[in-house]
Amino acid sequence: MAHTHHHLQNQHVNDECFVCGSENVAGLNAQFVEDEETGELVGVFVAKHEHLSYPGRVHGGVAAAMIDETIGRAFIIGHPDRWGVTMELSVRYRKPTPLGVPLYCRARLTKESHRTFEGDATLETEDGTVCVTGTAKYLILPVEKIMGQMGEEGTYVWDPDPRPIPEFLLNE
């Protein structure tokens, strides 16, 4: 029987986003689980054939997108009304990242000021093999300002993610 982890919860997702978009057929359809106790965010996804680089391997740009998104979303844990826009992103590819298996991107914040925040992340396989590491810096903006710059109001859908917390995270 799984333990109850009241400190774990899904973050909202968008319908069209490349990383979390539930309706984006070319996207990653990633699930983001936040741990309120530790401040860590874990992004979970399975890369598909569309995300291929070399045979059986995830494209480096896709891995970088997941690192970027997960660090950026880690800020939302303590600041639901403010988001970040990426200023700098640095990734290091350590091992080939496999397609078709669950991948876990773990991110945490490392620095925060009134205008910016920074964080780091690892992209891992289920057995803990670290495939990619990254760091990033973001400019903090109110959600309304980011949405206002996107064009027509009301077109961005930010819905609760109904998926269950992955067993792997419940057993940690």
C-alpha atoms as a PDB file:
ATOM      1  CA  MET A   1       0.000   0.000   0.000  1.00  0.00           C
ATOM      2  CA  ALA A   2       1.356   3.427  -0.979  1.00  0.00           C
ATOM      3  CA  HIS A   3       2.011   5.982   1.726  1.00  0.00           C
ATOM      4  CA  THR A   4       0.076   9.223   1.660  1.00  0.00           C
ATOM      5  CA  HIS A   5       2.324  12.128   0.738  1.00  0.00           C
ATOM      6  CA  HIS A   6       0.285  15.247   1.472  1.00  0.00           C
ATOM      7  CA  HIS A   7       3.249  17.433   0.599  1.00  0.00           C
ATOM      8  CA  LEU A   8       3.281  16.211  -3.036  1.00  0.00           C
ATOM      9  CA  GLN A   9       0.939  17.798  -5.561  1.00  0.00           C
ATOM     10  CA  ASN A  10       0.658  18.295  -9.302  1.00  0.00           C
ATOM     11  CA  GLN A  11       1.204  21.719 -10.771  1.00  0.00           C
ATOM     12  CA  HIS A  12      -1.263  23.019 -13.346  1.00  0.00           C
ATOM     13  CA  VAL A  13      -0.618  22.352 -17.040  1.00  0.00           C
ATOM     14  CA  ASN A  14      -1.399  24.169 -20.267  1.00  0.00           C
ATOM     15  CA  ASP A  15      -3.226  22.700 -23.246  1.00  0.00           C
ATOM     16  CA  GLU A  16      -0.785  23.861 -25.971  1.00  0.00           C
ATOM     17  CA  CYS A  17       2.665  24.184 -24.331  1.00  0.00           C
ATOM     18  CA  PHE A  18       5.448  22.100 -25.921  1.00  0.00           C
ATOM     19  CA  VAL A  19       6.575  20.759 -22.542  1.00  0.00           C
ATOM     20  CA  CYS A  20       3.351  20.339 -20.528  1.00  0.00           C
ATOM     21  CA  GLY A  21       0.670  20.662 -23.205  1.00  0.00           C
ATOM     22  CA  SER A  22      -2.041  18.061 -22.855  1.00  0.00           C
ATOM     23  CA  GLU A  23      -3.290  18.808 -26.388  1.00  0.00           C
ATOM     24  CA  ASN A  24       0.099  19.276 -28.110  1.00  0.00           C
ATOM     25  CA  VAL A  25       0.620  16.060 -30.100  1.00  0.00           C
ATOM     26  CA  ALA A  26       4.287  16.900 -30.763  1.00  0.00           C
ATOM     27  CA  GLY A  27       4.932  17.895 -27.154  1.00  0.00           C
ATOM     28  CA  LEU A  28       6.235  16.076 -24.085  1.00  0.00           C
ATOM     29  CA  ASN A  29       2.954  16.083 -22.105  1.00  0.00           C
ATOM     30  CA  ALA A  30       5.078  16.374 -18.948  1.00  0.00           C
ATOM     31  CA  GLN A  31       3.625  16.128 -15.476  1.00  0.00           C
ATOM     32  CA  PHE A  32       5.114  18.374 -12.768  1.00  0.00           C
ATOM     33  CA  VAL A  33       4.985  17.274  -9.137  1.00  0.00           C
ATOM     34  CA  GLU A  34       6.000  19.726  -6.448  1.00  0.00           C
ATOM     35  CA  ASP A  35       7.215  18.813  -2.996  1.00  0.00           C
ATOM     36  CA  GLU A  36       6.126  21.588  -0.638  1.00  0.00           C
ATOM     37  CA  GLU A  37       8.414  20.289   2.133  1.00  0.00           C
ATOM     38  CA  THR A  38      11.675  20.324   0.162  1.00  0.00           C
ATOM     39  CA  GLY A  39      10.845  22.921  -2.518  1.00  0.00           C
ATOM     40  CA  GLU A  40      11.918  20.416  -5.174  1.00  0.00           C
ATOM     41  CA  LEU A  41       9.988  20.057  -8.406  1.00  0.00           C
ATOM     42  CA  VAL A  42      10.039  16.855 -10.449  1.00  0.00           C
ATOM     43  CA  GLY A  43       8.998  16.852 -14.086  1.00  0.00           C
ATOM     44  CA  VAL A  44       8.025  13.424 -15.429  1.00  0.00           C
ATOM     45  CA  PHE A  45       7.727  12.516 -19.112  1.00  0.00           C
ATOM     46  CA  VAL A  46       8.337   9.799 -21.690  1.00  0.00           C
ATOM     47  CA  ALA A  47      10.057  11.030 -24.856  1.00  0.00           C
ATOM     48  CA  LYS A  48       8.446   9.819 -28.089  1.00  0.00           C
ATOM     49  CA  HIS A  49       9.807   9.130 -31.559  1.00  0.00           C
ATOM     50  CA  GLU A  50       9.117  12.790 -32.488  1.00  0.00           C
ATOM     51  CA  HIS A  51      11.772  13.779 -29.922  1.00  0.00           C
ATOM     52  CA  LEU A  52      14.490  11.605 -31.467  1.00  0.00           C
ATOM     53  CA  SER A  53      18.033  12.692 -32.215  1.00  0.00           C
ATOM     54  CA  TYR A  54      20.129   9.595 -32.825  1.00  0.00           C
ATOM     55  CA  PRO A  55      18.360   6.213 -32.874  1.00  0.00           C
ATOM     56  CA  GLY A  56      16.825   5.570 -29.464  1.00  0.00           C
ATOM     57  CA  ARG A  57      18.065   8.871 -28.015  1.00  0.00           C
ATOM     58  CA  VAL A  58      16.313  12.098 -26.991  1.00  0.00           C
ATOM     59  CA  HIS A  59      17.358  15.216 -28.918  1.00  0.00           C
ATOM     60  CA  GLY A  60      19.547  17.524 -26.829  1.00  0.00           C
ATOM     61  CA  GLY A  61      17.250  20.485 -27.453  1.00  0.00           C
ATOM     62  CA  VAL A  62      14.310  18.545 -26.035  1.00  0.00           C
ATOM     63  CA  ALA A  63      16.334  17.676 -22.928  1.00  0.00           C
ATOM     64  CA  ALA A  64      17.329  21.361 -22.595  1.00  0.00           C
ATOM     65  CA  ALA A  65      13.666  22.418 -22.878  1.00  0.00           C
ATOM     66  CA  MET A  66      12.768  20.071 -20.024  1.00  0.00           C
ATOM     67  CA  ILE A  67      15.614  21.397 -17.847  1.00  0.00           C
ATOM     68  CA  ASP A  68      14.511  24.993 -18.575  1.00  0.00           C
ATOM     69  CA  GLU A  69      10.822  24.369 -17.906  1.00  0.00           C
ATOM     70  CA  THR A  70      11.407  22.452 -14.678  1.00  0.00           C
ATOM     71  CA  ILE A  71      13.727  25.045 -13.127  1.00  0.00           C
ATOM     72  CA  GLY A  72      11.347  27.833 -14.158  1.00  0.00           C
ATOM     73  CA  ARG A  73       8.398  26.010 -12.633  1.00  0.00           C
ATOM     74  CA  ALA A  74      10.257  25.372  -9.353  1.00  0.00           C
ATOM     75  CA  PHE A  75       9.791  29.098  -8.641  1.00  0.00           C
ATOM     76  CA  ILE A  76       5.992  28.704  -8.782  1.00  0.00           C
ATOM     77  CA  ILE A  77       6.042  26.552  -5.613  1.00  0.00           C
ATOM     78  CA  GLY A  78       6.435  29.635  -3.418  1.00  0.00           C
ATOM     79  CA  HIS A  79       5.223  32.277  -5.874  1.00  0.00           C
ATOM     80  CA  PRO A  80       2.032  31.231  -7.699  1.00  0.00           C
ATOM     81  CA  ASP A  81       1.326  34.766  -8.987  1.00  0.00           C
ATOM     82  CA  ARG A  82       4.802  35.392 -10.414  1.00  0.00           C
ATOM     83  CA  TRP A  83       6.645  33.456 -13.096  1.00  0.00           C
ATOM     84  CA  GLY A  84      10.039  33.684 -14.665  1.00  0.00           C
ATOM     85  CA  VAL A  85      11.193  34.205 -18.220  1.00  0.00           C
ATOM     86  CA  THR A  86      14.503  32.593 -19.135  1.00  0.00           C
ATOM     87  CA  MET A  87      17.545  34.869 -19.305  1.00  0.00           C
ATOM     88  CA  GLU A  88      20.315  32.245 -19.364  1.00  0.00           C
ATOM     89  CA  LEU A  89      20.389  28.468 -19.737  1.00  0.00           C
ATOM     90  CA  SER A  90      23.399  26.178 -19.556  1.00  0.00           C
ATOM     91  CA  VAL A  91      23.204  22.406 -20.033  1.00  0.00           C
ATOM     92  CA  ARG A  92      25.744  19.624 -19.862  1.00  0.00           C
ATOM     93  CA  TYR A  93      25.083  16.299 -21.559  1.00  0.00           C
ATOM     94  CA  ARG A  94      26.543  13.480 -19.460  1.00  0.00           C
ATOM     95  CA  LYS A  95      24.960  10.277 -20.828  1.00  0.00           C
ATOM     96  CA  PRO A  96      22.673   9.508 -23.773  1.00  0.00           C
ATOM     97  CA  THR A  97      19.038  10.120 -22.800  1.00  0.00           C
ATOM     98  CA  PRO A  98      16.849   7.174 -23.853  1.00  0.00           C
ATOM     99  CA  LEU A  99      13.514   7.406 -25.669  1.00  0.00           C
ATOM    100  CA  GLY A 100      10.399   5.555 -24.585  1.00  0.00           C
ATOM    101  CA  VAL A 101      11.125   5.283 -20.847  1.00  0.00           C
ATOM    102  CA  PRO A 102      10.039   7.440 -17.897  1.00  0.00           C
ATOM    103  CA  LEU A 103      12.445  10.339 -17.367  1.00  0.00           C
ATOM    104  CA  TYR A 104      12.598  12.522 -14.269  1.00  0.00           C
ATOM    105  CA  CYS A 105      13.797  16.110 -14.219  1.00  0.00           C
ATOM    106  CA  ARG A 106      14.546  17.291 -10.662  1.00  0.00           C
ATOM    107  CA  ALA A 107      14.919  21.030 -10.077  1.00  0.00           C
ATOM    108  CA  ARG A 108      15.465  23.340  -7.159  1.00  0.00           C
ATOM    109  CA  LEU A 109      16.116  27.035  -6.722  1.00  0.00           C
ATOM    110  CA  THR A 110      19.623  28.110  -5.738  1.00  0.00           C
ATOM    111  CA  LYS A 111      19.350  31.911  -5.592  1.00  0.00           C
ATOM    112  CA  GLU A 112      16.592  34.495  -5.482  1.00  0.00           C
ATOM    113  CA  SER A 113      16.564  38.293  -5.536  1.00  0.00           C
ATOM    114  CA  HIS A 114      13.728  40.762  -6.003  1.00  0.00           C
ATOM    115  CA  ARG A 115      14.170  40.705  -9.831  1.00  0.00           C
ATOM    116  CA  THR A 116      15.655  37.297 -10.680  1.00  0.00           C
ATOM    117  CA  PHE A 117      15.972  33.701  -9.561  1.00  0.00           C
ATOM    118  CA  GLU A 118      18.346  30.886 -10.429  1.00  0.00           C
ATOM    119  CA  GLY A 119      18.175  27.133 -10.177  1.00  0.00           C
ATOM    120  CA  ASP A 120      19.675  23.846 -11.182  1.00  0.00           C
ATOM    121  CA  ALA A 121      18.286  20.572 -12.451  1.00  0.00           C
ATOM    122  CA  THR A 122      19.160  17.007 -13.381  1.00  0.00           C
ATOM    123  CA  LEU A 123      17.449  14.860 -16.011  1.00  0.00           C
ATOM    124  CA  GLU A 124      17.561  11.226 -14.878  1.00  0.00           C
ATOM    125  CA  THR A 125      16.343   7.779 -15.794  1.00  0.00           C
ATOM    126  CA  GLU A 126      14.249   5.762 -13.344  1.00  0.00           C
ATOM    127  CA  ASP A 127      17.361   4.020 -11.983  1.00  0.00           C
ATOM    128  CA  GLY A 128      18.944   7.384 -11.104  1.00  0.00           C
ATOM    129  CA  THR A 129      21.354   7.644 -14.042  1.00  0.00           C
ATOM    130  CA  VAL A 130      21.975  11.361 -14.621  1.00  0.00           C
ATOM    131  CA  CYS A 131      21.778  12.080 -18.352  1.00  0.00           C
ATOM    132  CA  VAL A 132      21.744  15.893 -18.383  1.00  0.00           C
ATOM    133  CA  THR A 133      22.441  18.633 -15.841  1.00  0.00           C
ATOM    134  CA  GLY A 134      21.622  22.293 -16.166  1.00  0.00           C
ATOM    135  CA  THR A 135      21.502  25.699 -14.561  1.00  0.00           C
ATOM    136  CA  ALA A 136      19.399  28.705 -15.500  1.00  0.00           C
ATOM    137  CA  LYS A 137      18.607  32.297 -14.573  1.00  0.00           C
ATOM    138  CA  TYR A 138      15.174  33.923 -14.953  1.00  0.00           C
ATOM    139  CA  LEU A 139      13.656  37.390 -14.805  1.00  0.00           C
ATOM    140  CA  ILE A 140      10.695  37.475 -12.388  1.00  0.00           C
ATOM    141  CA  LEU A 141       7.468  38.889 -13.830  1.00  0.00           C
ATOM    142  CA  PRO A 142       3.863  38.965 -12.653  1.00  0.00           C
ATOM    143  CA  VAL A 143       1.760  36.385 -14.497  1.00  0.00           C
ATOM    144  CA  GLU A 144      -0.507  39.153 -15.853  1.00  0.00           C
ATOM    145  CA  LYS A 145       2.443  40.893 -17.520  1.00  0.00           C
ATOM    146  CA  ILE A 146       3.576  37.681 -19.246  1.00  0.00           C
ATOM    147  CA  MET A 147       0.005  36.920 -20.363  1.00  0.00           C
ATOM    148  CA  GLY A 148      -0.510  40.492 -21.562  1.00  0.00           C
ATOM    149  CA  GLN A 149       2.512  40.173 -23.831  1.00  0.00           C
ATOM    150  CA  MET A 150       1.132  36.951 -25.343  1.00  0.00           C
ATOM    151  CA  GLY A 151      -1.696  38.565 -27.266  1.00  0.00           C
ATOM    152  CA  GLU A 152      -5.413  37.936 -27.023  1.00  0.00           C
ATOM    153  CA  GLU A 153      -6.649  37.649 -23.433  1.00  0.00           C
ATOM    154  CA  GLY A 154      -8.252  34.417 -22.334  1.00  0.00           C
ATOM    155  CA  THR A 155      -6.453  32.198 -24.831  1.00  0.00           C
ATOM    156  CA  TYR A 156      -4.024  30.666 -22.321  1.00  0.00           C
ATOM    157  CA  VAL A 157      -5.558  27.712 -20.480  1.00  0.00           C
ATOM    158  CA  TRP A 158      -3.983  26.764 -17.122  1.00  0.00           C
ATOM    159  CA  ASP A 159      -5.771  23.663 -15.839  1.00  0.00           C
ATOM    160  CA  PRO A 160      -5.317  21.326 -12.872  1.00  0.00           C
ATOM    161  CA  ASP A 161      -3.438  18.129 -13.813  1.00  0.00           C
ATOM    162  CA  PRO A 162      -5.671  15.185 -12.832  1.00  0.00           C
ATOM    163  CA  ARG A 163      -2.986  12.501 -13.229  1.00  0.00           C
ATOM    164  CA  PRO A 164      -2.032  10.526 -10.131  1.00  0.00           C
ATOM    165  CA  ILE A 165       1.358  11.172  -8.517  1.00  0.00           C
ATOM    166  CA  PRO A 166       3.769   8.612 -10.068  1.00  0.00           C
ATOM    167  CA  GLU A 167       4.454   5.593  -7.832  1.00  0.00           C
ATOM    168  CA  PHE A 168       8.182   6.196  -8.157  1.00  0.00           C
ATOM    169  CA  LEU A 169       7.831   9.524  -6.307  1.00  0.00           C
ATOM    170  CA  LEU A 170       5.485   8.108  -3.680  1.00  0.00           C
ATOM    171  CA  ASN A 171       8.035   5.469  -2.752  1.00  0.00           C
ATOM    172  CA  GLU A 172      10.944   7.885  -2.232  1.00  0.00           C
END
